[in-house]
């Protein structure tokens, strides 16, 4: 479980950074040179998700979704300077709880 948390956290940072590179180029008027690091970051994200110990890709991706949502709120605060409000925090918590259920729920073979 601890390994999955670290992998998911790294994947979230890589995905958000990669997507933000495109956002910066297309929405903030930054240089096209942002695309190269963005693509590399998205490739790292995809590779990291293959490191999660899960029998099915869909389950690994579904659990990651909750982590991604919470990490996006942290990114909004840390990088974009906008503090999440209580609804962001409630929603992010609900998503993390859902991710935990998917990742840790008992499975029958």
PDB file of N, CA and C in Angstrom:
ATOM      1  N   UNK A   1       0.815  -1.200   0.000  1.00  0.00           N
ATOM      2  CA  UNK A   1       0.000   0.000   0.000  1.00  0.00           C
ATOM      3  C   UNK A   1       0.856   1.260   0.000  1.00  0.00           C
ATOM      4  N   UNK A   2       1.889   1.320   0.855  1.00  0.00           N
ATOM      5  CA  UNK A   2       2.744   2.504   0.930  1.00  0.00           C
ATOM      6  C   UNK A   2       3.423   2.762  -0.408  1.00  0.00           C
ATOM      7  N   UNK A   3       3.820   1.696  -1.081  1.00  0.00           N
ATOM      8  CA  UNK A   3       4.439   1.861  -2.396  1.00  0.00           C
ATOM      9  C   UNK A   3       3.477   2.450  -3.406  1.00  0.00           C
ATOM     10  N   UNK A   4       2.234   2.003  -3.366  1.00  0.00           N
ATOM     11  CA  UNK A   4       1.223   2.513  -4.297  1.00  0.00           C
ATOM     12  C   UNK A   4       0.965   3.994  -4.056  1.00  0.00           C
ATOM     13  N   UNK A   5       0.938   4.413  -2.800  1.00  0.00           N
ATOM     14  CA  UNK A   5       0.703   5.821  -2.482  1.00  0.00           C
ATOM     15  C   UNK A   5       1.809   6.688  -3.091  1.00  0.00           C
ATOM     16  N   UNK A   6       3.048   6.261  -2.935  1.00  0.00           N
ATOM     17  CA  UNK A   6       4.171   7.013  -3.510  1.00  0.00           C
ATOM     18  C   UNK A   6       4.127   7.054  -5.023  1.00  0.00           C
ATOM     19  N   UNK A   7       3.798   5.911  -5.625  1.00  0.00           N
ATOM     20  CA  UNK A   7       3.698   5.862  -7.083  1.00  0.00           C
ATOM     21  C   UNK A   7       2.576   6.766  -7.566  1.00  0.00           C
ATOM     22  N   UNK A   8       1.419   6.686  -6.919  1.00  0.00           N
ATOM     23  CA  UNK A   8       0.302   7.538  -7.315  1.00  0.00           C
ATOM     24  C   UNK A   8       0.636   9.018  -7.140  1.00  0.00           C
ATOM     25  N   UNK A   9       1.306   9.363  -6.069  1.00  0.00           N
ATOM     26  CA  UNK A   9       1.692  10.764  -5.849  1.00  0.00           C
ATOM     27  C   UNK A   9       2.645  11.238  -6.951  1.00  0.00           C
ATOM     28  N   UNK A  10       3.634  10.415  -7.269  1.00  0.00           N
ATOM     29  CA  UNK A  10       4.558  10.776  -8.350  1.00  0.00           C
ATOM     30  C   UNK A  10       3.859  10.884  -9.688  1.00  0.00           C
ATOM     31  N   UNK A  11       2.944   9.953  -9.947  1.00  0.00           N
ATOM     32  CA  UNK A  11       2.187   9.986 -11.203  1.00  0.00           C
ATOM     33  C   UNK A  11       1.337  11.252 -11.277  1.00  0.00           C
ATOM     34  N   UNK A  12       0.726  11.631 -10.169  1.00  0.00           N
ATOM     35  CA  UNK A  12      -0.110  12.832 -10.168  1.00  0.00           C
ATOM     36  C   UNK A  12       0.714  14.080 -10.463  1.00  0.00           C
ATOM     37  N   UNK A  13       1.863  14.204  -9.832  1.00  0.00           N
ATOM     38  CA  UNK A  13       2.723  15.362 -10.091  1.00  0.00           C
ATOM     39  C   UNK A  13       3.151  15.378 -11.558  1.00  0.00           C
ATOM     40  N   UNK A  14       3.543  14.224 -12.083  1.00  0.00           N
ATOM     41  CA  UNK A  14       3.974  14.155 -13.475  1.00  0.00           C
ATOM     42  C   UNK A  14       2.837  14.495 -14.438  1.00  0.00           C
ATOM     43  N   UNK A  15       1.648  13.966 -14.182  1.00  0.00           N
ATOM     44  CA  UNK A  15       0.528  14.253 -15.082  1.00  0.00           C
ATOM     45  C   UNK A  15       0.109  15.717 -15.014  1.00  0.00           C
ATOM     46  N   UNK A  16      -0.011  16.240 -13.822  1.00  0.00           N
ATOM     47  CA  UNK A  16      -0.443  17.622 -13.677  1.00  0.00           C
ATOM     48  C   UNK A  16       0.598  18.572 -14.269  1.00  0.00           C
ATOM     49  N   UNK A  17       1.863  18.309 -14.026  1.00  0.00           N
ATOM     50  CA  UNK A  17       2.918  19.161 -14.601  1.00  0.00           C
ATOM     51  C   UNK A  17       2.887  19.096 -16.128  1.00  0.00           C
ATOM     52  N   UNK A  18       2.701  17.897 -16.677  1.00  0.00           N
ATOM     53  CA  UNK A  18       2.640  17.758 -18.132  1.00  0.00           C
ATOM     54  C   UNK A  18       1.450  18.494 -18.723  1.00  0.00           C
ATOM     55  N   UNK A  19       0.308  18.343 -18.107  1.00  0.00           N
ATOM     56  CA  UNK A  19      -0.890  19.044 -18.599  1.00  0.00           C
ATOM     57  C   UNK A  19      -0.750  20.552 -18.411  1.00  0.00           C
ATOM     58  N   UNK A  20      -0.141  20.966 -17.303  1.00  0.00           N
ATOM     59  CA  UNK A  20       0.032  22.398 -17.064  1.00  0.00           C
ATOM     60  C   UNK A  20       0.967  23.014 -18.101  1.00  0.00           C
ATOM     61  N   UNK A  21       1.931  22.248 -18.576  1.00  0.00           N
ATOM     62  CA  UNK A  21       2.824  22.778 -19.620  1.00  0.00           C
ATOM     63  C   UNK A  21       2.017  23.165 -20.857  1.00  0.00           C
ATOM     64  N   UNK A  22       1.070  22.332 -21.234  1.00  0.00           N
ATOM     65  CA  UNK A  22       0.213  22.664 -22.374  1.00  0.00           C
ATOM     66  C   UNK A  22      -0.714  23.839 -22.035  1.00  0.00           C
ATOM     67  N   UNK A  23      -1.229  23.867 -20.819  1.00  0.00           N
ATOM     68  CA  UNK A  23      -2.072  24.980 -20.368  1.00  0.00           C
ATOM     69  C   UNK A  23      -1.280  26.290 -20.464  1.00  0.00           C
ATOM     70  N   UNK A  24      -0.037  26.250 -19.981  1.00  0.00           N
ATOM     71  CA  UNK A  24       0.796  27.455 -20.008  1.00  0.00           C
ATOM     72  C   UNK A  24       1.022  27.935 -21.440  1.00  0.00           C
ATOM     73  N   UNK A  25       1.273  27.011 -22.338  1.00  0.00           N
ATOM     74  CA  UNK A  25       1.495  27.373 -23.740  1.00  0.00           C
ATOM     75  C   UNK A  25       0.222  27.919 -24.385  1.00  0.00           C
ATOM     76  N   UNK A  26      -0.884  27.174 -24.247  1.00  0.00           N
ATOM     77  CA  UNK A  26      -2.105  27.521 -24.969  1.00  0.00           C
ATOM     78  C   UNK A  26      -2.973  28.583 -24.285  1.00  0.00           C
ATOM     79  N   UNK A  27      -2.908  28.650 -22.967  1.00  0.00           N
ATOM     80  CA  UNK A  27      -3.792  29.578 -22.261  1.00  0.00           C
ATOM     81  C   UNK A  27      -3.062  30.764 -21.644  1.00  0.00           C
ATOM     82  N   UNK A  28      -1.788  30.597 -21.337  1.00  0.00           N
ATOM     83  CA  UNK A  28      -1.045  31.667 -20.675  1.00  0.00           C
ATOM     84  C   UNK A  28      -0.041  32.353 -21.595  1.00  0.00           C
ATOM     85  N   UNK A  29       0.004  31.909 -22.860  1.00  0.00           N
ATOM     86  CA  UNK A  29       0.887  32.547 -23.830  1.00  0.00           C
ATOM     87  C   UNK A  29       2.372  32.257 -23.648  1.00  0.00           C
ATOM     88  N   UNK A  30       2.696  31.157 -22.980  1.00  0.00           N
ATOM     89  CA  UNK A  30       4.107  30.789 -22.808  1.00  0.00           C
ATOM     90  C   UNK A  30       4.657  30.220 -24.111  1.00  0.00           C
ATOM     91  N   UNK A  31       5.956  30.073 -24.179  1.00  0.00           N
ATOM     92  CA  UNK A  31       6.638  29.573 -25.372  1.00  0.00           C
ATOM     93  C   UNK A  31       6.247  28.125 -25.686  1.00  0.00           C
ATOM     94  N   UNK A  32       6.324  27.774 -26.967  1.00  0.00           N
ATOM     95  CA  UNK A  32       6.101  26.381 -27.386  1.00  0.00           C
ATOM     96  C   UNK A  32       7.132  25.442 -26.772  1.00  0.00           C
ATOM     97  N   UNK A  33       8.220  25.985 -26.290  1.00  0.00           N
ATOM     98  CA  UNK A  33       9.259  25.161 -25.669  1.00  0.00           C
ATOM     99  C   UNK A  33       8.756  24.456 -24.409  1.00  0.00           C
ATOM    100  N   UNK A  34       7.627  24.878 -23.889  1.00  0.00           N
ATOM    101  CA  UNK A  34       7.024  24.201 -22.743  1.00  0.00           C
ATOM    102  C   UNK A  34       6.522  22.814 -23.126  1.00  0.00           C
ATOM    103  N   UNK A  35       6.265  22.574 -24.408  1.00  0.00           N
ATOM    104  CA  UNK A  35       5.678  21.310 -24.847  1.00  0.00           C
ATOM    105  C   UNK A  35       6.623  20.129 -24.606  1.00  0.00           C
ATOM    106  N   UNK A  36       7.904  20.285 -24.895  1.00  0.00           N
ATOM    107  CA  UNK A  36       8.865  19.178 -24.731  1.00  0.00           C
ATOM    108  C   UNK A  36       8.872  18.616 -23.312  1.00  0.00           C
ATOM    109  N   UNK A  37       9.124  19.452 -22.315  1.00  0.00           N
ATOM    110  CA  UNK A  37       9.067  18.942 -20.937  1.00  0.00           C
ATOM    111  C   UNK A  37       7.682  18.411 -20.573  1.00  0.00           C
ATOM    112  N   UNK A  38       6.643  19.023 -21.122  1.00  0.00           N
ATOM    113  CA  UNK A  38       5.287  18.548 -20.851  1.00  0.00           C
ATOM    114  C   UNK A  38       5.077  17.131 -21.352  1.00  0.00           C
ATOM    115  N   UNK A  39       5.525  16.864 -22.568  1.00  0.00           N
ATOM    116  CA  UNK A  39       5.392  15.512 -23.132  1.00  0.00           C
ATOM    117  C   UNK A  39       6.220  14.517 -22.313  1.00  0.00           C
ATOM    118  N   UNK A  40       7.439  14.893 -21.948  1.00  0.00           N
ATOM    119  CA  UNK A  40       8.283  14.006 -21.136  1.00  0.00           C
ATOM    120  C   UNK A  40       7.616  13.708 -19.790  1.00  0.00           C
ATOM    121  N   UNK A  41       7.002  14.716 -19.199  1.00  0.00           N
ATOM    122  CA  UNK A  41       6.322  14.526 -17.924  1.00  0.00           C
ATOM    123  C   UNK A  41       5.128  13.586 -18.071  1.00  0.00           C
ATOM    124  N   UNK A  42       4.380  13.721 -19.164  1.00  0.00           N
ATOM    125  CA  UNK A  42       3.239  12.826 -19.391  1.00  0.00           C
ATOM    126  C   UNK A  42       3.698  11.390 -19.650  1.00  0.00           C
ATOM    127  N   UNK A  43       4.844  11.226 -20.292  1.00  0.00           N
ATOM    128  CA  UNK A  43       5.389   9.875 -20.493  1.00  0.00           C
ATOM    129  C   UNK A  43       5.791   9.268 -19.148  1.00  0.00           C
ATOM    130  N   UNK A  44       6.390  10.059 -18.269  1.00  0.00           N
ATOM    131  CA  UNK A  44       6.737   9.584 -16.930  1.00  0.00           C
ATOM    132  C   UNK A  44       5.482   9.176 -16.170  1.00  0.00           C
ATOM    133  N   UNK A  45       4.453   9.974 -16.269  1.00  0.00           N
ATOM    134  CA  UNK A  45       3.173   9.650 -15.635  1.00  0.00           C
ATOM    135  C   UNK A  45       2.666   8.272 -16.080  1.00  0.00           C
ATOM    136  N   UNK A  46       2.638   8.044 -17.388  1.00  0.00           N
ATOM    137  CA  UNK A  46       2.131   6.767 -17.910  1.00  0.00           C
ATOM    138  C   UNK A  46       2.998   5.609 -17.424  1.00  0.00           C
ATOM    139  N   UNK A  47       4.300   5.792 -17.411  1.00  0.00           N
ATOM    140  CA  UNK A  47       5.200   4.735 -16.949  1.00  0.00           C
ATOM    141  C   UNK A  47       4.963   4.439 -15.465  1.00  0.00           C
ATOM    142  N   UNK A  48       4.812   5.497 -14.665  1.00  0.00           N
ATOM    143  CA  UNK A  48       4.596   5.292 -13.226  1.00  0.00           C
ATOM    144  C   UNK A  48       3.331   4.489 -12.954  1.00  0.00           C
ATOM    145  N   UNK A  49       2.263   4.743 -13.705  1.00  0.00           N
ATOM    146  CA  UNK A  49       1.030   3.989 -13.455  1.00  0.00           C
ATOM    147  C   UNK A  49       1.208   2.497 -13.716  1.00  0.00           C
ATOM    148  N   UNK A  50       2.142   2.129 -14.590  1.00  0.00           N
ATOM    149  CA  UNK A  50       2.376   0.698 -14.821  1.00  0.00           C
ATOM    150  C   UNK A  50       3.120   0.051 -13.659  1.00  0.00           C
ATOM    151  N   UNK A  51       3.644   0.836 -12.742  1.00  0.00           N
ATOM    152  CA  UNK A  51       4.391   0.314 -11.588  1.00  0.00           C
ATOM    153  C   UNK A  51       3.480  -0.057 -10.426  1.00  0.00           C
ATOM    154  N   UNK A  52       2.220   0.327 -10.465  1.00  0.00           N
ATOM    155  CA  UNK A  52       1.284   0.004  -9.380  1.00  0.00           C
ATOM    156  C   UNK A  52       0.990  -1.491  -9.413  1.00  0.00           C
ATOM    157  N   UNK A  53       1.045  -2.115  -8.244  1.00  0.00           N
ATOM    158  CA  UNK A  53       0.775  -3.545  -8.135  1.00  0.00           C
ATOM    159  C   UNK A  53      -0.740  -3.776  -8.116  1.00  0.00           C
ATOM    160  N   UNK A  54      -1.302  -3.940  -9.301  1.00  0.00           N
ATOM    161  CA  UNK A  54      -2.743  -4.185  -9.435  1.00  0.00           C
ATOM    162  C   UNK A  54      -2.934  -5.213 -10.542  1.00  0.00           C
ATOM    163  N   UNK A  55      -3.921  -6.075 -10.354  1.00  0.00           N
ATOM    164  CA  UNK A  55      -4.178  -7.118 -11.342  1.00  0.00           C
ATOM    165  C   UNK A  55      -4.788  -6.561 -12.626  1.00  0.00           C
ATOM    166  N   UNK A  56      -5.477  -5.432 -12.527  1.00  0.00           N
ATOM    167  CA  UNK A  56      -6.168  -4.868 -13.680  1.00  0.00           C
ATOM    168  C   UNK A  56      -5.838  -3.392 -13.830  1.00  0.00           C
ATOM    169  N   UNK A  57      -5.542  -2.979 -15.038  1.00  0.00           N
ATOM    170  CA  UNK A  57      -5.216  -1.580 -15.309  1.00  0.00           C
ATOM    171  C   UNK A  57      -6.369  -0.665 -14.919  1.00  0.00           C
ATOM    172  N   UNK A  58      -7.590  -1.072 -15.252  1.00  0.00           N
ATOM    173  CA  UNK A  58      -8.743  -0.230 -14.946  1.00  0.00           C
ATOM    174  C   UNK A  58      -8.873   0.071 -13.469  1.00  0.00           C
ATOM    175  N   UNK A  59      -8.596  -0.907 -12.625  1.00  0.00           N
ATOM    176  CA  UNK A  59      -8.681  -0.685 -11.177  1.00  0.00           C
ATOM    177  C   UNK A  59      -7.572   0.260 -10.721  1.00  0.00           C
ATOM    178  N   UNK A  60      -6.377   0.076 -11.248  1.00  0.00           N
ATOM    179  CA  UNK A  60      -5.270   0.974 -10.902  1.00  0.00           C
ATOM    180  C   UNK A  60      -5.588   2.399 -11.336  1.00  0.00           C
ATOM    181  N   UNK A  61      -6.160   2.560 -12.536  1.00  0.00           N
ATOM    182  CA  UNK A  61      -6.495   3.879 -13.049  1.00  0.00           C
ATOM    183  C   UNK A  61      -7.631   4.510 -12.243  1.00  0.00           C
ATOM    184  N   UNK A  62      -8.632   3.713 -11.867  1.00  0.00           N
ATOM    185  CA  UNK A  62      -9.762   4.231 -11.104  1.00  0.00           C
ATOM    186  C   UNK A  62      -9.306   4.745  -9.742  1.00  0.00           C
ATOM    187  N   UNK A  63      -8.470   3.972  -9.057  1.00  0.00           N
ATOM    188  CA  UNK A  63      -7.963   4.411  -7.759  1.00  0.00           C
ATOM    189  C   UNK A  63      -7.108   5.662  -7.913  1.00  0.00           C
ATOM    190  N   UNK A  64      -6.347   5.723  -8.986  1.00  0.00           N
ATOM    191  CA  UNK A  64      -5.508   6.899  -9.250  1.00  0.00           C
ATOM    192  C   UNK A  64      -6.357   8.164  -9.415  1.00  0.00           C
ATOM    193  N   UNK A  65      -7.552   8.017  -9.964  1.00  0.00           N
ATOM    194  CA  UNK A  65      -8.409   9.174 -10.202  1.00  0.00           C
ATOM    195  C   UNK A  65      -8.638  10.015  -8.957  1.00  0.00           C
ATOM    196  N   UNK A  66      -8.862   9.366  -7.830  1.00  0.00           N
ATOM    197  CA  UNK A  66      -9.061  10.106  -6.584  1.00  0.00           C
ATOM    198  C   UNK A  66      -7.810  10.850  -6.155  1.00  0.00           C
ATOM    199  N   UNK A  67      -6.671  10.217  -6.332  1.00  0.00           N
ATOM    200  CA  UNK A  67      -5.394  10.848  -5.991  1.00  0.00           C
ATOM    201  C   UNK A  67      -5.169  12.061  -6.899  1.00  0.00           C
ATOM    202  N   UNK A  68      -5.467  11.893  -8.192  1.00  0.00           N
ATOM    203  CA  UNK A  68      -5.296  12.985  -9.153  1.00  0.00           C
ATOM    204  C   UNK A  68      -6.123  14.204  -8.754  1.00  0.00           C
ATOM    205  N   UNK A  69      -7.356  13.982  -8.355  1.00  0.00           N
ATOM    206  CA  UNK A  69      -8.228  15.096  -7.980  1.00  0.00           C
ATOM    207  C   UNK A  69      -7.657  15.835  -6.772  1.00  0.00           C
ATOM    208  N   UNK A  70      -7.258  15.108  -5.747  1.00  0.00           N
ATOM    209  CA  UNK A  70      -6.691  15.746  -4.559  1.00  0.00           C
ATOM    210  C   UNK A  70      -5.384  16.468  -4.894  1.00  0.00           C
ATOM    211  N   UNK A  71      -4.535  15.839  -5.703  1.00  0.00           N
ATOM    212  CA  UNK A  71      -3.269  16.464  -6.092  1.00  0.00           C
ATOM    213  C   UNK A  71      -3.503  17.724  -6.923  1.00  0.00           C
ATOM    214  N   UNK A  72      -4.548  17.729  -7.730  1.00  0.00           N
ATOM    215  CA  UNK A  72      -4.869  18.915  -8.527  1.00  0.00           C
ATOM    216  C   UNK A  72      -5.219  20.098  -7.633  1.00  0.00           C
ATOM    217  N   UNK A  73      -5.899  19.828  -6.533  1.00  0.00           N
ATOM    218  CA  UNK A  73      -6.225  20.897  -5.592  1.00  0.00           C
ATOM    219  C   UNK A  73      -4.977  21.419  -4.889  1.00  0.00           C
ATOM    220  N   UNK A  74      -4.049  20.523  -4.566  1.00  0.00           N
ATOM    221  CA  UNK A  74      -2.776  20.944  -3.979  1.00  0.00           C
ATOM    222  C   UNK A  74      -1.999  21.795  -4.992  1.00  0.00           C
ATOM    223  N   UNK A  75      -1.982  21.362  -6.254  1.00  0.00           N
ATOM    224  CA  UNK A  75      -1.315  22.119  -7.321  1.00  0.00           C
ATOM    225  C   UNK A  75      -1.914  23.528  -7.429  1.00  0.00           C
ATOM    226  N   UNK A  76      -3.253  23.612  -7.410  1.00  0.00           N
ATOM    227  CA  UNK A  76      -3.933  24.898  -7.520  1.00  0.00           C
ATOM    228  C   UNK A  76      -3.451  25.844  -6.419  1.00  0.00           C
ATOM    229  N   UNK A  77      -3.260  25.299  -5.232  1.00  0.00           N
ATOM    230  CA  UNK A  77      -2.828  26.108  -4.101  1.00  0.00           C
ATOM    231  C   UNK A  77      -1.336  26.435  -4.201  1.00  0.00           C
ATOM    232  N   UNK A  78      -0.501  25.419  -4.416  1.00  0.00           N
ATOM    233  CA  UNK A  78       0.948  25.600  -4.376  1.00  0.00           C
ATOM    234  C   UNK A  78       1.504  26.334  -5.592  1.00  0.00           C
ATOM    235  N   UNK A  79       0.977  26.050  -6.771  1.00  0.00           N
ATOM    236  CA  UNK A  79       1.548  26.609  -8.008  1.00  0.00           C
ATOM    237  C   UNK A  79       0.753  27.822  -8.503  1.00  0.00           C
ATOM    238  N   UNK A  80      -0.563  27.723  -8.431  1.00  0.00           N
ATOM    239  CA  UNK A  80      -1.393  28.792  -8.982  1.00  0.00           C
ATOM    240  C   UNK A  80      -1.817  29.829  -7.945  1.00  0.00           C
ATOM    241  N   UNK A  81      -1.526  29.546  -6.677  1.00  0.00           N
ATOM    242  CA  UNK A  81      -1.766  30.529  -5.629  1.00  0.00           C
ATOM    243  C   UNK A  81      -3.220  30.714  -5.216  1.00  0.00           C
ATOM    244  N   UNK A  82      -4.080  29.748  -5.527  1.00  0.00           N
ATOM    245  CA  UNK A  82      -5.474  29.833  -5.129  1.00  0.00           C
ATOM    246  C   UNK A  82      -5.767  28.748  -4.104  1.00  0.00           C
ATOM    247  N   UNK A  83      -6.144  29.164  -2.930  1.00  0.00           N
ATOM    248  CA  UNK A  83      -6.400  28.221  -1.838  1.00  0.00           C
ATOM    249  C   UNK A  83      -7.722  27.492  -2.065  1.00  0.00           C
ATOM    250  N   UNK A  84      -7.726  26.166  -1.925  1.00  0.00           N
ATOM    251  CA  UNK A  84      -8.982  25.416  -2.059  1.00  0.00           C
ATOM    252  C   UNK A  84      -9.992  25.863  -1.000  1.00  0.00           C
ATOM    253  N   UNK A  85     -11.259  25.923  -1.393  1.00  0.00           N
ATOM    254  CA  UNK A  85     -12.292  26.269  -0.418  1.00  0.00           C
ATOM    255  C   UNK A  85     -12.830  24.993   0.231  1.00  0.00           C
ATOM    256  N   UNK A  86     -13.778  25.144   1.119  1.00  0.00           N
ATOM    257  CA  UNK A  86     -14.273  23.973   1.852  1.00  0.00           C
ATOM    258  C   UNK A  86     -14.897  22.940   0.929  1.00  0.00           C
ATOM    259  N   UNK A  87     -15.529  23.365  -0.162  1.00  0.00           N
ATOM    260  CA  UNK A  87     -16.144  22.419  -1.088  1.00  0.00           C
ATOM    261  C   UNK A  87     -15.080  21.645  -1.852  1.00  0.00           C
ATOM    262  N   UNK A  88     -13.988  22.315  -2.185  1.00  0.00           N
ATOM    263  CA  UNK A  88     -12.860  21.600  -2.793  1.00  0.00           C
ATOM    264  C   UNK A  88     -12.336  20.536  -1.843  1.00  0.00           C
ATOM    265  N   UNK A  89     -12.184  20.903  -0.576  1.00  0.00           N
ATOM    266  CA  UNK A  89     -11.641  19.962   0.415  1.00  0.00           C
ATOM    267  C   UNK A  89     -12.597  18.805   0.682  1.00  0.00           C
ATOM    268  N   UNK A  90     -13.882  19.086   0.756  1.00  0.00           N
ATOM    269  CA  UNK A  90     -14.862  18.013   0.950  1.00  0.00           C
ATOM    270  C   UNK A  90     -14.847  17.068  -0.249  1.00  0.00           C
ATOM    271  N   UNK A  91     -14.869  17.627  -1.443  1.00  0.00           N
ATOM    272  CA  UNK A  91     -14.839  16.804  -2.650  1.00  0.00           C
ATOM    273  C   UNK A  91     -13.560  16.002  -2.777  1.00  0.00           C
ATOM    274  N   UNK A  92     -12.422  16.632  -2.494  1.00  0.00           N
ATOM    275  CA  UNK A  92     -11.143  15.927  -2.556  1.00  0.00           C
ATOM    276  C   UNK A  92     -11.064  14.784  -1.561  1.00  0.00           C
ATOM    277  N   UNK A  93     -11.587  15.012  -0.359  1.00  0.00           N
ATOM    278  CA  UNK A  93     -11.610  13.954   0.659  1.00  0.00           C
ATOM    279  C   UNK A  93     -12.490  12.791   0.209  1.00  0.00           C
ATOM    280  N   UNK A  94     -13.646  13.114  -0.348  1.00  0.00           N
ATOM    281  CA  UNK A  94     -14.545  12.058  -0.835  1.00  0.00           C
ATOM    282  C   UNK A  94     -13.861  11.232  -1.937  1.00  0.00           C
ATOM    283  N   UNK A  95     -13.127  11.894  -2.793  1.00  0.00           N
ATOM    284  CA  UNK A  95     -12.425  11.184  -3.865  1.00  0.00           C
ATOM    285  C   UNK A  95     -11.328  10.283  -3.322  1.00  0.00           C
ATOM    286  N   UNK A  96     -10.588  10.767  -2.324  1.00  0.00           N
ATOM    287  CA  UNK A  96      -9.543   9.933  -1.719  1.00  0.00           C
ATOM    288  C   UNK A  96     -10.148   8.729  -1.005  1.00  0.00           C
ATOM    289  N   UNK A  97     -11.276   8.923  -0.357  1.00  0.00           N
ATOM    290  CA  UNK A  97     -11.952   7.790   0.282  1.00  0.00           C
ATOM    291  C   UNK A  97     -12.393   6.770  -0.763  1.00  0.00           C
ATOM    292  N   UNK A  98     -12.918   7.243  -1.876  1.00  0.00           N
ATOM    293  CA  UNK A  98     -13.301   6.341  -2.965  1.00  0.00           C
ATOM    294  C   UNK A  98     -12.116   5.588  -3.526  1.00  0.00           C
ATOM    295  N   UNK A  99     -10.994   6.279  -3.682  1.00  0.00           N
ATOM    296  CA  UNK A  99      -9.780   5.625  -4.171  1.00  0.00           C
ATOM    297  C   UNK A  99      -9.329   4.537  -3.203  1.00  0.00           C
ATOM    298  N   UNK A 100      -9.405   4.820  -1.906  1.00  0.00           N
ATOM    299  CA  UNK A 100      -9.009   3.830  -0.899  1.00  0.00           C
ATOM    300  C   UNK A 100      -9.907   2.602  -0.954  1.00  0.00           C
ATOM    301  N   UNK A 101     -11.206   2.799  -1.134  1.00  0.00           N
ATOM    302  CA  UNK A 101     -12.130   1.669  -1.232  1.00  0.00           C
ATOM    303  C   UNK A 101     -11.758   0.799  -2.442  1.00  0.00           C
ATOM    304  N   UNK A 102     -11.501   1.441  -3.565  1.00  0.00           N
ATOM    305  CA  UNK A 102     -11.152   0.690  -4.778  1.00  0.00           C
ATOM    306  C   UNK A 102      -9.832  -0.055  -4.586  1.00  0.00           C
ATOM    307  N   UNK A 103      -8.844   0.610  -4.017  1.00  0.00           N
ATOM    308  CA  UNK A 103      -7.510   0.012  -3.882  1.00  0.00           C
ATOM    309  C   UNK A 103      -7.448  -1.044  -2.786  1.00  0.00           C
ATOM    310  N   UNK A 104      -8.154  -0.829  -1.686  1.00  0.00           N
ATOM    311  CA  UNK A 104      -7.992  -1.687  -0.502  1.00  0.00           C
ATOM    312  C   UNK A 104      -9.164  -2.645  -0.262  1.00  0.00           C
ATOM    313  N   UNK A 105     -10.221  -2.510  -1.044  1.00  0.00           N
ATOM    314  CA  UNK A 105     -11.383  -3.359  -0.826  1.00  0.00           C
ATOM    315  C   UNK A 105     -11.063  -4.830  -0.954  1.00  0.00           C
ATOM    316  N   UNK A 106     -11.697  -5.672  -0.127  1.00  0.00           N
ATOM    317  CA  UNK A 106     -11.434  -7.114  -0.199  1.00  0.00           C
ATOM    318  C   UNK A 106     -11.907  -7.667  -1.537  1.00  0.00           C
ATOM    319  N   UNK A 107     -11.108  -8.508  -2.115  1.00  0.00           N
ATOM    320  CA  UNK A 107     -11.414  -9.124  -3.407  1.00  0.00           C
ATOM    321  C   UNK A 107     -11.588 -10.619  -3.248  1.00  0.00           C
ATOM    322  N   UNK A 108     -12.530 -11.164  -3.978  1.00  0.00           N
ATOM    323  CA  UNK A 108     -12.692 -12.622  -3.976  1.00  0.00           C
ATOM    324  C   UNK A 108     -11.996 -13.153  -5.219  1.00  0.00           C
ATOM    325  N   UNK A 109     -10.826 -13.672  -4.995  1.00  0.00           N
ATOM    326  CA  UNK A 109      -9.965 -14.247  -6.038  1.00  0.00           C
ATOM    327  C   UNK A 109      -9.992 -13.469  -7.240  1.00  0.00           C
TER     328      UNK A 109
END
